[in-house]
Every structure is written in C-alpha cells, then in structure tokens.
Amino acid sequence: MLNFSPRFSSRIRVHGSRFTKFLCTLAAILLSPALIAAQTGPQEKPRARDLGVPFDGTPGPLNAITDVPGVTVGYTTLISGEGKLQIGKGPVRTGVTAILPRGKDTMSNPVFAGWWSLNGNGEMTGTTWVEESGFLEGPVMITNTHSVGVVRDAVIQWRVNHGQPDPTGYWWSLPVVAETWDGWLNDINGFHVKPEDAFHAIDSAHAGPVEEGSVGGGTGMICNEFKGGTGTSSRKFETKGATYTVGVLVQCNYGRRPNLRVAGVPVGLEIPENPAYSSASFGELERGSIIVVVATDAPLLSHQLKRLARRVSLGLGRDGSTSGNGSGDIFIAFSTANPGAASPDHMIDLKMLPNDELESVFAATVQSTEEAVINAMVAAETMTGIENHKVIALPHEKLREVLRKYNRLK
C-alpha cells in the first residue's frame, strides 16, 4: 500500500500498471496540500512532543531546520512494487533529500561550514574541500548508499543548467552528498534514483514545515529496528543580547533495539517485539548509519562549526547510540550568517560569536539532535519492502505506556 502524506509536496514517483499510475496520480491530486488545506485545514502526523515525550530547550515555531531563516528542504520519494526482489525492477523504497542553506541563493552564496565523522563506515562527498576552505558551496544532498554518485553528478548538472559558476567565475563543483543504506527494504542495486530525482529535490525545496518519516532519502531507512527515516527539530537561544536558532535534520538508519532510549527511558528494552532484523541475518552488531545536518543563523566560523558538528554525538548518545564499528555517523554544520563571505572581490569583514559564548549553541545542537531522531521514528509508518521484509513503526501508545511507567510522560 502506498501512503501519501498531505503535509508536503515531495514528489512521489511510482512504477507499475497504468491503473496503478492512474490511482496514484488521482491520490496525489486529491491529497495535494492546497486542496487539503482548502477543504479541511492543516493535517499533520503527530510528533514526539504531541505524544508527551519531554525534551529540554525551547524549539522554534516549526521545531524544524527551516526555523533557521533562509534554509529550505526538498524531497523526492520513490515507492513502488512489492514482494520478491527483482534487481532493477524493485520493490523500490528510496529517494533524495536536499537541504539548501540559502534557498535559491545557495549556489552563488556559500556558507561557512564544518564537518565531523563520529564513525566513518559511510560517505559524505565534498568534505575535503569543506575542511580546506571552510565553506559549503551548494546544497547538502542525502540519498541511499549506492546512489551517491548519480546524485553528486546531478547536482553539478543542475548548477550548469542554471548558469551559475562559482563566485570566482569557474565552472567546477564538489557537491556534498551523504548516504545511509536502505538495502533491507529497497532494491538498492537497481539504481532507481535518477538525475531528475535530484533535480526535483532541489527545485522543490521550500521553507515552512518539513515532512518527516519515510520521505526523501529516508524512505527506506530503519532506526533501532523500528522504521526510521527523516526527522527534524530546532532550538532558540539567546547570547550577547541576540536570539538565534539552531536547526537539525537527520536521516537515521542506525541502532539495535535494546539500545534505544527516549527521554532517558530504555524504550528498546521495554518494546522488544518484532525487531527489523533476525540475528541470523545481521548478527548482533551495529550496521546502520546516520547523517545529521545542523544549521544556525548564529555568526560562527568554520572551526566553530566543526565543534558544533561534534556535539551531534552527544545528542545521539542521549538516544542510546553507541556508534558501532559498522555505522557511518557523519555530520555537517553550517551558518547562514556572514552572507557574501566567499566573495573574491574585496576584503571581508566578519562577525563571530566569541568561543566563550558557545555553550548555548552547543546545548541547542545536542537537544535538537536528540529530538530530531525521535521525531523521525514517531512520524515513520510500518513499511514492507523487498522479499516482504517488514519493519514496524514505533508504536505510539506503547511508547506512551513505557514513558508513563517511568514517570516521564509529559
């Protein structure tokens, strides 16, 4: 069964019979955000706070990475087929996510950035130049492990098609594209992500609420052996008389069930039923990954943003991650402050928060990361993929029961 969310306009490309295509097209029209809003008003999936999960800190209005002014997010979601794996034909459970630091100005106005690998059994392209230059030039893209190459090349093609060389006038790009593995649910060796899917994720990127769960690059992902995917959160904080925002977006695909903790409660131990994998399939080792993107409008330089990226690790630790040997846990942080800082035409005057004022930024990053992962799990729905592999969603009422048992239900 295909589940269409009315919250967003992420593209859903579906393969199948003409009748299936007709039904999917009709559903997409009937469930379009504009039509739903006109008829019934906003309809949203519950988020972790809606279930009474307590978190520290003060979120922004959307509790999303798009609370950072200028940041936009777009998706392409690919869902089709069911049953036996036929490489090249499906079933397909995958997609692409695009995070644009400055919206439409992203390609021509780089942002200061820093990245960090907690455990490197994964990939994030373009980070050598981020480390060297201190800048992120273009979007951050997230997809599945075997589609990194096509998405990377598509970003370059998109930039060429739109006639935007880099600030020095040269036609060259080292796109940042990250991945997690969705091969338990998706025909990952079928290479179903195409250049046009990356184009659509970029072109459809928008401000406002961010869809969560099984969307974009997170479509086929698993977290703590529940259905995982895409999640987001944000925090407001004050320092030096000004108010700033940190926003986090995660693509979570890591963790064994016994390790999961929610608001300090050992939820994974309390809900052991129906784990995604059998020990015969994967053993007892951590074999997942997580990509985390941190955005802020606080004036931070690249070396400070690297410090921010490191703090993601503490947020994941609150959720029970141990970052195992088989996990690719890779994070990137950027600041939308100091526009024009990459201009080659003149001397640049920069603003920078003093290092002694970073405590609140660090705390906001830890808190947002912790919540973004749980939001992804709460939003995700049970999914069946290749070979009828079934991954159950985190059961909402059972989660509330466990939190109540430990006196942690808000």
Foldseek 3Di string as FASTA:
>chain_A
DDDDDLQDDAAEDEDDDPVVVVVVVVVCVCSHNVNCCVPPRDDDFDFPVNLQFDFDFDFAPQQFQLSADQKWKFWHFYAYDAAADDALPWRAFWIKMKIAQRQPCQQAWWFFKAKDWPAALWDWWPRVVCVVVRTAHGIEMEIARLQQVQLQVLRLVLCVVVPDDYLVPDSDDTHTYTHKHLVLFISSNSNPDHSVRSVRRSVRIDHDHDAAALTHRLVRAAAQQAGFAKFKGKHWDDDPHDIKMKIKIKNHRKHHLQQFDGSNFRVSVVPVPDGLDDCVVPNDFIAIEMEMEMEMQAFATNVVNNVLNVLLVLLVVSRRDPQTNNYTYMYMYTHPPQIPPPNPPDDGDGDHDDPVGCPVVSVRSSRGSNRRRSRNLSNHAWDAHHNRRIHHGDDSVSVSVSCVVVPRRD
